[in-house]
C-alpha cells in the first residue's frame, strides 16, 4: 500500500496560507509559516511579515535581528522605516537610529518625527534608568585612571546615555589631555556619524584646540591623505605583498589616531608614503633634507607610541 506523498513546499503556497493565518490573528501559526517561506526564498515580503509576527508576539529582539538583514529595504519607504525605527527604539539602540536618520535621505517631516520619537523614548528610559546613568557618569569621572583599552570600552556605555547627556559628556572628553587621543577621535567620529550640527572643541595630536562642526567633517577613511596612501599601499602589493599589508594597517591607524587633521599633520601624502617605505626597507636614499626627515620620523614615532598603548 502506497502511503501519502510528501510534495515539496512552495514559497507561494506557504505565503498564501501564512497570510490567511495572519488575517485570522493566529500569530503563532503565521510566524511558523512565514519562517518556512523565508527559508525557501529570502524576500523582503516574507521578512517583513515574519518580523511583524515576531513583534506582535513580543519577540522584539528577534524581530530586530531578522529585520537588520533587510535594513536597506526597510529604509526605502517611510512606512516600513517607521516600523524599523520602532524596533531600534524598542531595543534602546538610539544612537544607531540617529546615525541612520543622518545617513539616509528621508523627508524633513519624517526626520523630525523620528527624532522626536527617539527623544521621548530616551527621556522615558532616562527616568527609569537614572541609577544606571549615574553609575556611567561616575565611571566617566574616573576615566583618566583607566588604561586606553578600558577607556575605549567605556565609550560603549557612554553611547547608552540619552543624547543630550551623551553630547555633554563627549564635549568634556574631547578636550581632555588625560584621555587617550584615539578614544577622543572615536568619540568625534561618533558625532560625525550622528550628524551633530553644533560646533565642538577638539584637542589634536599637536595639542592644538580647534573648533569643528562634526556634521561637515569627512569620516576617517574619507580623509584625502588616507585615500591617497591607501591607493599607494595597494599598488605596492605588486612589489611586496607583505609590506603592502603592513602599510595598509599602519595608514589606517594613523588616519584614525590623528583624526580629523590627518591631511595637515602628515603634509604631502606621496612624500609620507616614500619616507615610510624607507623606514621599512632601512634605506638611506637621498631626496629629503635632514630637517624634513627628522620631522617625519618624530611625527611617525608619536603616532606609533599612541598605537602601541593599545597593545
Protein backbone atom coordinates (compact mmCIF):
# COMPACT_ATOMS: atom_id res chain seq x y z
CA UNK A 1 0.00 0.00 0.00
CA UNK A 2 1.41 3.33 -1.04
CA UNK A 3 1.47 5.98 1.69
CA UNK A 4 0.87 9.72 1.31
CA UNK A 5 3.34 11.54 -0.91
CA UNK A 6 5.26 14.47 0.62
CA UNK A 7 5.29 17.20 -2.01
CA UNK A 8 8.00 19.84 -1.63
CA UNK A 9 6.82 23.05 -0.05
CA UNK A 10 6.40 26.02 -2.36
CA UNK A 11 7.12 29.59 -1.33
CA UNK A 12 3.91 30.94 -2.86
CA UNK A 13 1.71 28.35 -1.09
CA UNK A 14 3.36 28.99 2.27
CA UNK A 15 2.96 32.74 1.90
CA UNK A 16 -0.73 32.37 0.99
CA UNK A 17 -1.53 30.11 3.95
CA UNK A 18 0.59 32.26 6.29
CA UNK A 19 -1.27 35.41 5.28
CA UNK A 20 -4.57 33.64 5.92
CA UNK A 21 -3.37 32.68 9.40
CA UNK A 22 -2.27 36.27 10.00
CA UNK A 23 -5.67 37.60 8.92
CA UNK A 24 -7.25 35.21 11.45
CA UNK A 25 -4.89 36.57 14.15
CA UNK A 26 -3.26 33.16 14.50
CA UNK A 27 0.18 34.73 15.01
CA UNK A 28 1.96 31.58 16.14
CA UNK A 29 0.99 29.65 13.02
CA UNK A 30 1.65 32.65 10.78
CA UNK A 31 5.13 33.03 12.29
CA UNK A 32 5.93 29.38 11.63
CA UNK A 33 4.72 29.54 8.03
CA UNK A 34 6.47 32.83 7.24
CA UNK A 35 9.67 31.37 8.70
CA UNK A 36 9.43 28.34 6.39
CA UNK A 37 8.66 30.57 3.42
CA UNK A 38 11.62 32.81 4.18
CA UNK A 39 13.90 29.79 4.42
CA UNK A 40 12.87 28.89 0.86
CA UNK A 41 13.17 32.40 -0.57
CA UNK A 42 14.77 35.32 1.30
CA UNK A 43 12.39 38.03 0.08
CA UNK A 44 11.66 41.32 1.78
CA UNK A 45 7.93 40.49 1.76
CA UNK A 46 8.43 37.30 3.76
CA UNK A 47 10.89 39.01 6.06
CA UNK A 48 8.66 42.00 6.82
CA UNK A 49 5.65 39.79 7.58
CA UNK A 50 7.74 37.46 9.74
CA UNK A 51 9.17 40.45 11.61
CA UNK A 52 5.65 41.82 12.14
CA UNK A 53 4.56 38.49 13.68
CA UNK A 54 7.59 38.40 15.95
CA UNK A 55 6.92 41.98 17.06
CA UNK A 56 3.27 41.26 17.84
CA UNK A 57 4.31 38.13 19.76
CA UNK A 58 6.57 40.37 21.88
CA UNK A 59 9.72 38.75 20.48
CA UNK A 60 11.11 42.18 19.71
CA UNK A 61 14.82 41.36 19.89
CA UNK A 62 14.39 38.50 17.44
CA UNK A 63 12.26 40.78 15.26
CA UNK A 64 15.10 43.30 15.08
CA UNK A 65 17.66 40.56 14.39
CA UNK A 66 15.61 39.42 11.41
CA UNK A 67 14.86 42.94 10.16
CA UNK A 68 18.53 44.01 10.17
CA UNK A 69 19.17 41.57 7.31
CA UNK A 70 16.96 43.71 5.05
CA UNK A 71 17.75 47.09 6.62
CA UNK A 72 18.29 48.84 3.27
CA UNK A 73 14.86 47.78 2.03
CA UNK A 74 13.12 48.86 5.24
CA UNK A 75 14.60 52.33 4.84
CA UNK A 76 13.40 52.79 1.25
CA UNK A 77 9.80 53.55 2.28
CA UNK A 78 8.86 55.72 5.24
CA UNK A 79 6.06 53.34 6.28
CA UNK A 80 8.49 50.44 6.68
CA UNK A 81 11.18 52.79 8.02
CA UNK A 82 8.83 53.88 10.82
CA UNK A 83 8.40 50.26 11.85
CA UNK A 84 12.16 49.66 11.65
CA UNK A 85 12.90 52.67 13.85
CA UNK A 86 10.29 51.43 16.33
CA UNK A 87 12.31 48.20 16.56
CA UNK A 88 15.53 50.14 17.16
CA UNK A 89 13.88 52.37 19.74
CA UNK A 90 12.45 49.33 21.49
CA UNK A 91 15.95 47.87 21.65
CA UNK A 92 17.23 51.23 23.02
CA UNK A 93 19.60 51.48 20.08
CA UNK A 94 19.01 55.23 19.92
CA UNK A 95 22.41 56.34 18.74
CA UNK A 96 22.37 53.91 15.80
CA UNK A 97 18.86 55.12 14.92
CA UNK A 98 20.17 58.69 14.82
CA UNK A 99 23.07 57.56 12.61
CA UNK A 100 20.62 56.02 10.13
CA UNK A 101 18.48 59.16 10.05
CA UNK A 102 21.55 61.30 9.39
CA UNK A 103 22.83 58.95 6.67
CA UNK A 104 19.52 58.39 4.84
CA UNK A 105 17.64 60.82 2.61
CA UNK A 106 14.28 61.00 4.41
CA UNK A 107 11.81 63.87 4.18
CA UNK A 108 12.34 66.66 6.70
CA UNK A 109 8.94 65.93 8.29
CA UNK A 110 9.80 62.26 8.73
CA UNK A 111 13.22 63.03 10.22
CA UNK A 112 11.74 65.42 12.77
CA UNK A 113 9.04 62.90 13.71
CA UNK A 114 11.58 60.11 14.25
CA UNK A 115 13.99 62.32 16.22
CA UNK A 116 11.13 63.42 18.46
CA UNK A 117 10.10 59.79 18.99
CA UNK A 118 13.68 58.86 19.87
CA UNK A 119 13.97 61.78 22.30
CA UNK A 120 10.73 60.79 24.01
CA UNK A 121 11.97 57.22 24.39
CA UNK A 122 15.30 58.46 25.73
CA UNK A 123 13.60 60.72 28.25
CA UNK A 124 11.26 57.98 29.44
CA UNK A 125 14.06 55.45 29.67
CA UNK A 126 16.24 58.03 31.39
CA UNK A 127 13.68 58.44 34.14
CA UNK A 128 13.52 54.68 34.64
CA UNK A 129 17.28 54.13 34.45
CA UNK A 130 18.54 57.17 36.35
CA UNK A 131 20.59 54.98 38.65
CA UNK A 132 22.42 53.35 35.73
CA UNK A 133 23.06 56.76 34.20
CA UNK A 134 24.56 57.98 37.47
CA UNK A 135 26.83 54.95 37.51
CA UNK A 136 28.01 55.72 33.98
CA UNK A 137 28.78 59.31 34.96
CA UNK A 138 30.71 58.04 37.99
CA UNK A 139 32.81 55.83 35.70
CA UNK A 140 33.38 58.77 33.37
CA UNK A 141 34.61 60.84 36.30
CA UNK A 142 37.40 58.27 36.76
CA UNK A 143 38.04 57.54 33.09
CA UNK A 144 41.56 59.01 33.21
CA UNK A 145 42.57 56.28 35.66
CA UNK A 146 41.71 53.57 33.14
CA UNK A 147 44.01 52.09 30.51
CA UNK A 148 43.46 53.25 26.90
CA UNK A 149 41.71 49.95 26.11
CA UNK A 150 39.41 50.34 29.12
CA UNK A 151 38.69 53.94 28.15
CA UNK A 152 37.64 52.77 24.70
CA UNK A 153 35.39 50.10 26.22
CA UNK A 154 33.70 52.69 28.43
CA UNK A 155 32.69 54.60 25.31
CA UNK A 156 30.14 51.86 24.54
CA UNK A 157 28.44 52.66 27.85
CA UNK A 158 28.57 56.35 27.05
CA UNK A 159 26.60 55.64 23.87
CA UNK A 160 23.71 54.33 26.00
CA UNK A 161 23.16 57.72 27.64
CA UNK A 162 20.27 59.94 26.49
CA UNK A 163 21.52 62.04 23.59
CA UNK A 164 21.76 65.37 25.41
CA UNK A 165 23.80 63.76 28.20
CA UNK A 166 25.93 61.91 25.64
CA UNK A 167 26.72 65.23 23.94
CA UNK A 168 27.55 66.98 27.21
CA UNK A 169 29.87 64.20 28.36
CA UNK A 170 31.51 63.92 24.94
CA UNK A 171 32.27 67.63 24.72
CA UNK A 172 34.16 67.45 28.00
CA UNK A 173 36.17 64.37 26.96
CA UNK A 174 37.18 65.78 23.55
CA UNK A 175 39.43 68.40 25.15
CA UNK A 176 41.00 66.34 27.95
CA UNK A 177 44.70 65.59 27.68
CA UNK A 178 44.39 62.69 30.13
CA UNK A 179 42.10 60.77 27.74
CA UNK A 180 43.86 58.80 25.00
CA UNK A 181 43.78 60.60 21.66
CA UNK A 182 42.33 57.59 19.82
CA UNK A 183 39.45 57.42 22.29
CA UNK A 184 38.72 61.12 21.74
CA UNK A 185 38.98 60.67 17.96
CA UNK A 186 36.48 57.78 18.08
CA UNK A 187 34.06 59.95 20.03
CA UNK A 188 34.39 62.72 17.47
CA UNK A 189 33.73 60.16 14.75
CA UNK A 190 30.52 59.18 16.57
CA UNK A 191 29.38 62.81 16.44
CA UNK A 192 30.11 62.81 12.69
CA UNK A 193 28.06 59.64 12.23
CA UNK A 194 25.01 61.08 14.01
CA UNK A 195 25.29 64.35 12.07
CA UNK A 196 25.79 66.65 15.09
CA UNK A 197 25.42 70.15 13.66
CA UNK A 198 26.67 72.23 16.57
CA UNK A 199 30.40 73.07 16.84
CA UNK A 200 32.57 71.26 19.37
CA UNK A 201 36.11 71.86 20.58
CA UNK A 202 38.73 69.17 19.98
CA UNK A 203 42.31 68.78 21.19
CA UNK A 204 44.51 67.47 18.36
CA UNK A 205 47.63 65.31 18.37
CA UNK A 206 49.64 68.56 18.36
CA UNK A 207 47.66 69.63 21.46
CA UNK A 208 46.07 72.43 19.49
CA UNK A 209 42.49 73.30 20.45
CA UNK A 210 40.35 73.55 17.33
CA UNK A 211 36.64 74.03 16.76
CA UNK A 212 34.88 71.73 14.31
CA UNK A 213 31.33 71.04 13.15
CA UNK A 214 31.03 67.23 13.13
CA UNK A 215 28.30 67.24 10.50
CA UNK A 216 30.70 68.77 7.97
CA UNK A 217 33.70 66.53 8.66
CA UNK A 218 34.71 63.58 6.48
CA UNK A 219 34.89 60.20 8.18
CA UNK A 220 38.43 58.93 8.97
CA UNK A 221 38.52 56.69 5.89
CA UNK A 222 37.32 59.57 3.69
CA UNK A 223 40.20 61.90 4.55
CA UNK A 224 42.04 62.90 1.39
CA UNK A 225 45.50 61.82 2.56
CA UNK A 226 44.27 58.46 3.77
CA UNK A 227 42.59 57.69 0.45
CA UNK A 228 45.84 58.58 -1.33
CA UNK A 229 48.02 56.49 1.00
CA UNK A 230 45.61 53.56 0.79
CA UNK A 231 45.86 53.54 -3.02
CA UNK A 232 49.65 53.78 -2.90
CA UNK A 233 49.83 50.90 -0.42
CA UNK A 234 47.51 48.82 -2.60
CA UNK A 235 49.63 49.50 -5.69
CA UNK A 236 52.74 48.47 -3.75
CA UNK A 237 51.34 44.95 -3.46
CA UNK A 238 52.93 44.11 -6.82
CA UNK A 239 56.37 44.81 -5.34
CA UNK A 240 55.96 43.42 -1.84
CA UNK A 241 52.61 41.93 -0.79
CA UNK A 242 53.60 41.52 2.86
CA UNK A 243 54.82 45.09 3.20
CA UNK A 244 51.74 46.33 1.37
CA UNK A 245 49.51 44.70 4.00
CA UNK A 246 51.55 46.28 6.80
CA UNK A 247 51.35 49.69 5.19
CA UNK A 248 47.57 49.48 4.82
CA UNK A 249 47.16 48.67 8.50
CA UNK A 250 49.56 51.38 9.62
CA UNK A 251 47.99 54.11 7.48
CA UNK A 252 44.51 53.12 8.68
CA UNK A 253 45.58 53.52 12.31
CA UNK A 254 47.43 56.76 11.57
CA UNK A 255 44.32 58.26 9.98
CA UNK A 256 42.18 57.17 12.93
CA UNK A 257 44.52 58.42 15.65
CA UNK A 258 45.26 61.82 14.05
CA UNK A 259 41.63 62.37 13.04
CA UNK A 260 40.42 64.93 11.98
CA UNK A 261 43.70 66.65 10.99
CA UNK A 262 45.48 63.77 9.23
CA UNK A 263 45.78 65.75 5.98
CA UNK A 264 47.57 68.69 7.57
CA UNK A 265 49.52 66.60 10.07
CA UNK A 266 51.38 64.47 7.53
CA UNK A 267 51.64 67.07 4.76
CA UNK A 268 52.16 65.66 1.26
CA UNK A 269 50.82 62.10 1.23
CA UNK A 270 53.18 60.87 -1.50
CA UNK A 271 56.24 62.03 0.41
CA UNK A 272 54.91 60.50 3.63
CA UNK A 273 54.49 57.20 1.77
CA UNK A 274 58.03 57.30 0.37
CA UNK A 275 59.52 58.10 3.76
CA UNK A 276 57.58 55.21 5.34
CA UNK A 277 58.91 52.82 2.68
CA UNK A 278 62.46 53.97 3.51
CA UNK A 279 61.91 53.19 7.20
CA UNK A 280 60.68 49.68 6.45
CA UNK A 281 63.46 48.97 3.98
CA UNK A 282 66.15 50.59 6.13
CA UNK A 283 67.48 52.59 3.17
CA UNK A 284 69.24 55.95 3.30
CA UNK A 285 68.24 57.13 -0.15
CA UNK A 286 68.68 60.88 -0.55
CA UNK A 287 65.90 63.21 -1.70
CA UNK A 288 64.73 64.77 1.55
CA UNK A 289 66.51 67.27 3.73
CA UNK A 290 67.75 66.22 7.13
CA UNK A 291 65.27 68.55 8.80
CA UNK A 292 62.36 67.11 6.79
CA UNK A 293 63.38 63.56 7.60
CA UNK A 294 63.71 64.31 11.32
CA UNK A 295 60.30 65.95 11.30
CA UNK A 296 58.74 62.92 9.58
CA UNK A 297 60.37 60.46 11.99
CA UNK A 298 59.25 62.47 15.02
CA UNK A 299 55.64 62.58 13.82
CA UNK A 300 55.54 58.90 12.90
CA UNK A 301 57.14 57.94 16.22
CA UNK A 302 54.49 59.91 18.08
CA UNK A 303 51.72 58.07 16.25
CA UNK A 304 53.36 54.67 16.81
CA UNK A 305 53.71 55.41 20.51
CA UNK A 306 49.99 56.12 20.76
CA UNK A 307 49.17 52.97 18.78
CA UNK A 308 51.38 50.79 20.98
CA UNK A 309 49.45 51.85 24.09
CA UNK A 310 46.64 49.59 22.90
CA UNK A 311 48.89 46.53 22.54
